[in-house]
Amino acid sequence: MMFGTLRDDLRILRQFAVGLRGDGDHASRLEAFYGPQAARYDAFRERLLHGRAELLARLAPRPGCHFVELGAGTGRNVEFLGERARELDLTLVDLCPSLLAVARRRHADANNVNVVEADATRWQPARAADCVLLSYALTMMPDWRGVLDNAHRMLAPGGSIAVVDFHVSAARPPPGRQRHGRLARAFWPRWFGHDGVRLDPAHLDVLTARFETRHLSEHSARLPWLPGLRAPYYLYMGERRAGA
């Protein structure tokens, strides 16, 4: 088992070293990058993508609500909801066919889960969303402002948005926010950028301006195969303002 895990990790690390290619449209770039690692995607990222369970525990969606995840990938995050998932109307949206194939297999027996291949900047549900989740997805979306605009449009008044993602601060962040050192502000965007993960201090600025903030916390966590390094990430929860 240990050698199997090591072998799988090395395959994914090799894909990371190659990086996200620059040619073609965004959908084809995602498929080329994630397709070869789709079957092993979740096992590696359990040690990479921190804070998801905590965020969903804080969000606590109400029974019967329409829960939309944009950039849902393999649908793993639904499992962090536990038994609550059975009481929700769940829509999982992504642009990568290989990851969505894993999501469809994972939730094949759940009649309340709808898996959709679509662009998160344009797709709109037939029924307004009560909750929108973006889990380590916003940094992967070139037009992330368009994604947040679209999420705002699909939310019912008073609906909730929840975001967890990698993060880097501005040189002079607003009062109460963490300020990362100059080395961290240079290193992490370059490190993640090779694989198409775009860290941008403006993410939190736009979220806090566009939504009524209910929770914001900044953290750091270890990364697999990088001893001694802790990557910064944040948890955000907000609501669509009435009349907005």
Protein backbone atom coordinates (compact mmCIF):
# COMPACT_ATOMS: atom_id res chain seq x y z
CA MET A 1 0.00 0.00 0.00
CA MET A 2 2.79 2.41 0.91
CA PHE A 3 4.59 1.77 -2.38
CA GLY A 4 1.35 2.15 -4.31
CA THR A 5 0.73 5.52 -2.67
CA LEU A 6 4.30 6.60 -3.39
CA ARG A 7 3.95 5.57 -7.03
CA ASP A 8 0.67 7.49 -7.38
CA ASP A 9 2.15 10.56 -5.69
CA LEU A 10 5.12 10.53 -8.04
CA ARG A 11 2.82 10.40 -11.06
CA ILE A 12 0.91 13.43 -9.83
CA LEU A 13 4.09 15.29 -8.90
CA ARG A 14 5.37 14.60 -12.41
CA GLN A 15 2.19 16.17 -13.78
CA PHE A 16 2.71 19.17 -11.50
CA ALA A 17 6.25 19.52 -12.83
CA VAL A 18 4.93 19.61 -16.40
CA GLY A 19 2.38 22.22 -15.35
CA LEU A 20 -0.77 23.52 -16.98
CA ARG A 21 -0.16 24.03 -20.68
CA GLY A 22 -0.71 27.44 -22.20
CA ASP A 23 -2.31 26.53 -25.53
CA GLY A 24 -5.97 25.86 -26.28
CA ASP A 25 -9.02 27.04 -24.36
CA HIS A 26 -9.40 26.73 -20.61
CA ALA A 27 -11.48 23.55 -20.80
CA SER A 28 -8.90 21.70 -22.92
CA ARG A 29 -6.07 22.87 -20.66
CA LEU A 30 -7.88 21.52 -17.60
CA GLU A 31 -8.58 18.20 -19.27
CA ALA A 32 -4.96 17.81 -20.38
CA PHE A 33 -3.72 18.53 -16.86
CA TYR A 34 -6.27 16.69 -14.72
CA GLY A 35 -7.27 13.87 -17.05
CA PRO A 36 -4.13 11.75 -16.42
CA GLN A 37 -4.47 12.14 -12.64
CA ALA A 38 -8.27 11.96 -12.25
CA ALA A 39 -8.29 8.46 -10.73
CA ARG A 40 -5.73 9.48 -8.11
CA TYR A 41 -6.91 13.06 -7.70
CA ASP A 42 -8.61 12.82 -4.32
CA ALA A 43 -6.04 10.66 -2.51
CA PHE A 44 -3.29 13.22 -3.11
CA ARG A 45 -5.43 16.26 -2.44
CA GLU A 46 -6.64 15.04 0.93
CA ARG A 47 -3.19 16.17 2.11
CA LEU A 48 -3.16 19.32 0.01
CA LEU A 49 -6.58 20.99 0.23
CA HIS A 50 -7.19 21.91 3.86
CA GLY A 51 -10.19 23.51 5.53
CA ARG A 52 -12.96 22.01 3.42
CA ALA A 53 -14.65 20.02 6.18
CA GLU A 54 -14.42 22.97 8.57
CA LEU A 55 -15.98 25.35 6.05
CA LEU A 56 -18.90 23.03 5.28
CA ALA A 57 -19.49 22.45 8.99
CA ARG A 58 -19.73 26.23 9.45
CA LEU A 59 -22.02 26.62 6.43
CA ALA A 60 -24.53 24.03 7.72
CA PRO A 61 -26.98 24.17 4.76
CA ARG A 62 -30.65 23.78 5.62
CA PRO A 63 -32.59 20.66 4.55
CA GLY A 64 -34.20 21.10 1.15
CA CYS A 65 -31.96 23.93 0.02
CA HIS A 66 -30.40 24.10 -3.44
CA PHE A 67 -26.65 23.68 -2.94
CA VAL A 68 -24.44 24.50 -5.93
CA GLU A 69 -20.72 23.81 -6.10
CA LEU A 70 -18.82 25.63 -8.85
CA GLY A 71 -15.57 23.93 -9.82
CA ALA A 72 -16.77 20.76 -8.11
CA GLY A 73 -14.23 18.43 -9.72
CA THR A 74 -14.69 14.85 -8.51
CA GLY A 75 -17.58 15.66 -6.18
CA ARG A 76 -15.54 14.77 -3.10
CA ASN A 77 -16.73 17.77 -1.11
CA VAL A 78 -20.28 16.45 -0.96
CA GLU A 79 -18.97 13.72 1.34
CA PHE A 80 -17.86 16.33 3.88
CA LEU A 81 -21.55 17.14 4.34
CA GLY A 82 -22.13 13.66 5.74
CA GLU A 83 -25.77 12.68 6.28
CA ARG A 84 -26.87 16.26 5.56
CA ALA A 85 -26.13 15.69 1.86
CA ARG A 86 -29.18 13.42 1.54
CA GLU A 87 -31.46 16.32 2.49
CA LEU A 88 -30.15 18.77 -0.13
CA ASP A 89 -30.73 19.43 -3.81
CA LEU A 90 -27.12 19.26 -5.00
CA THR A 91 -25.72 20.56 -8.30
CA LEU A 92 -22.04 19.99 -9.11
CA VAL A 93 -20.62 22.14 -11.91
CA ASP A 94 -17.20 21.77 -13.55
CA LEU A 95 -15.50 22.14 -16.92
CA CYS A 96 -13.23 19.07 -16.82
CA PRO A 97 -14.83 15.87 -18.23
CA SER A 98 -12.39 13.45 -16.55
CA LEU A 99 -13.03 14.85 -13.08
CA LEU A 100 -16.78 14.95 -13.68
CA ALA A 101 -16.70 11.29 -14.71
CA VAL A 102 -15.35 10.50 -11.22
CA ALA A 103 -18.13 12.64 -9.69
CA ARG A 104 -20.81 10.80 -11.66
CA ARG A 105 -19.50 7.42 -10.54
CA ARG A 106 -19.20 8.59 -6.95
CA HIS A 107 -22.79 9.83 -6.77
CA ALA A 108 -24.42 7.40 -9.20
CA ASP A 109 -26.82 6.13 -6.53
CA ALA A 110 -27.85 9.58 -5.28
CA ASN A 111 -30.95 10.89 -7.02
CA ASN A 112 -30.51 14.34 -5.46
CA VAL A 113 -27.12 15.02 -7.10
CA ASN A 114 -26.97 16.61 -10.56
CA VAL A 115 -23.55 16.74 -12.27
CA VAL A 116 -23.19 19.43 -14.94
CA GLU A 117 -20.36 20.12 -17.39
CA ALA A 118 -20.45 23.89 -17.82
CA ASP A 119 -18.53 27.16 -17.54
CA ALA A 120 -18.91 28.70 -14.07
CA THR A 121 -18.88 32.21 -15.53
CA ARG A 122 -22.09 31.61 -17.51
CA TRP A 123 -24.05 28.60 -16.20
CA GLN A 124 -27.23 29.44 -14.30
CA PRO A 125 -29.52 27.01 -12.46
CA ALA A 126 -33.23 26.75 -13.21
CA ARG A 127 -33.85 27.18 -9.48
CA ALA A 128 -32.06 29.91 -7.51
CA ALA A 129 -29.25 28.64 -5.32
CA ASP A 130 -29.48 28.86 -1.55
CA CYS A 131 -25.77 28.04 -1.12
CA VAL A 132 -22.82 28.34 -3.51
CA LEU A 133 -19.50 26.66 -2.74
CA LEU A 134 -16.11 27.33 -4.33
CA SER A 135 -13.51 24.97 -2.90
CA TYR A 136 -9.98 25.53 -4.22
CA ALA A 137 -11.63 26.51 -7.50
CA LEU A 138 -11.56 30.31 -7.67
CA THR A 139 -7.78 30.38 -8.10
CA MET A 140 -8.13 27.95 -11.05
CA MET A 141 -10.59 30.19 -12.92
CA PRO A 142 -9.03 32.85 -15.18
CA ASP A 143 -12.15 35.04 -15.07
CA TRP A 144 -12.68 34.68 -11.34
CA ARG A 145 -14.46 38.03 -11.11
CA GLY A 146 -16.95 36.77 -13.69
CA VAL A 147 -17.45 33.62 -11.60
CA LEU A 148 -18.25 35.67 -8.49
CA ASP A 149 -20.61 37.89 -10.49
CA ASN A 150 -22.36 34.76 -11.76
CA ALA A 151 -22.50 33.23 -8.27
CA HIS A 152 -24.08 36.44 -6.99
CA ARG A 153 -26.72 36.31 -9.73
CA MET A 154 -27.65 32.69 -9.04
CA LEU A 155 -28.02 33.15 -5.27
CA ALA A 156 -31.42 33.80 -3.80
CA PRO A 157 -31.59 36.95 -1.61
CA GLY A 158 -30.01 36.02 1.70
CA GLY A 159 -28.33 33.00 0.11
CA SER A 160 -24.87 31.98 1.26
CA ILE A 161 -21.53 31.76 -0.52
CA ALA A 162 -18.62 29.78 0.94
CA VAL A 163 -15.05 29.86 -0.39
CA VAL A 164 -11.89 28.07 0.70
CA ASP A 165 -8.74 28.59 -1.33
CA PHE A 166 -5.04 29.28 -1.38
CA HIS A 167 -4.20 32.86 -0.65
CA VAL A 168 -1.52 35.53 -0.57
CA SER A 169 -1.93 38.93 1.04
CA ALA A 170 -1.37 42.34 -0.44
CA ALA A 171 1.72 44.25 0.63
CA ARG A 172 -0.60 46.44 2.73
CA PRO A 173 -3.70 44.40 3.55
CA PRO A 174 -6.78 45.97 5.17
CA PRO A 175 -6.81 46.21 8.98
CA GLY A 176 -7.43 42.86 10.68
CA ARG A 177 -6.05 40.78 7.80
CA GLN A 178 -2.80 38.84 7.80
CA ARG A 179 0.20 40.38 6.08
CA HIS A 180 2.48 37.84 4.43
CA GLY A 181 6.16 38.67 4.14
CA ARG A 182 7.79 39.76 0.91
CA LEU A 183 9.28 36.31 0.27
CA ALA A 184 5.90 34.58 0.72
CA ARG A 185 4.19 37.10 -1.57
CA ALA A 186 6.76 36.33 -4.27
CA PHE A 187 7.14 32.58 -3.74
CA TRP A 188 3.58 31.25 -3.48
CA PRO A 189 2.12 32.91 -6.60
CA ARG A 190 5.08 31.69 -8.64
CA TRP A 191 4.95 28.17 -7.15
CA PHE A 192 1.23 27.68 -7.69
CA GLY A 193 1.13 29.63 -10.95
CA HIS A 194 3.10 26.93 -12.75
CA ASP A 195 0.03 24.67 -12.46
CA GLY A 196 -2.49 27.36 -13.33
CA VAL A 197 -3.39 28.26 -9.74
CA ARG A 198 -3.50 32.06 -9.62
CA LEU A 199 -3.18 33.53 -6.13
CA ASP A 200 -4.56 37.07 -6.02
CA PRO A 201 -5.00 39.30 -2.94
CA ALA A 202 -8.03 40.85 -4.66
CA HIS A 203 -10.11 37.68 -4.13
CA LEU A 204 -10.90 38.61 -0.54
CA ASP A 205 -11.37 42.29 -1.42
CA VAL A 206 -14.03 41.42 -4.00
CA LEU A 207 -15.73 38.86 -1.77
CA THR A 208 -16.01 41.24 1.18
CA ALA A 209 -17.22 44.07 -1.07
CA ARG A 210 -19.78 41.98 -2.97
CA PHE A 211 -21.26 39.96 -0.10
CA GLU A 212 -22.19 40.49 3.55
CA THR A 213 -19.33 38.77 5.36
CA ARG A 214 -20.30 36.22 8.01
CA HIS A 215 -16.90 34.59 8.52
CA LEU A 216 -13.35 35.21 7.36
CA SER A 217 -10.27 33.47 8.71
CA GLU A 218 -6.75 32.98 7.37
CA HIS A 219 -4.65 29.89 7.98
CA SER A 220 -1.64 27.93 6.75
CA ALA A 221 -1.04 24.20 6.37
CA ARG A 222 1.60 21.72 5.33
CA LEU A 223 1.89 20.53 1.74
CA PRO A 224 2.73 16.94 0.72
CA TRP A 225 6.38 16.38 -0.17
CA LEU A 226 7.39 19.91 0.87
CA PRO A 227 8.63 19.56 4.47
CA GLY A 228 8.86 22.78 6.43
CA LEU A 229 6.63 24.79 4.09
CA ARG A 230 3.12 25.89 5.00
CA ALA A 231 0.86 27.29 2.30
CA PRO A 232 -1.54 30.10 3.22
CA TYR A 233 -5.27 29.64 2.67
CA TYR A 234 -8.50 31.28 3.81
CA LEU A 235 -12.09 30.39 4.74
CA TYR A 236 -14.79 32.82 3.71
CA MET A 237 -18.55 32.82 4.22
CA GLY A 238 -20.90 35.56 3.10
CA GLU A 239 -24.50 36.26 2.12
CA ARG A 240 -26.16 38.00 -0.77
CA ARG A 241 -27.49 41.26 0.60
CA ALA A 242 -31.23 41.84 0.41
CA GLY A 243 -32.01 43.99 -2.63
CA ALA A 244 -28.48 43.59 -4.04
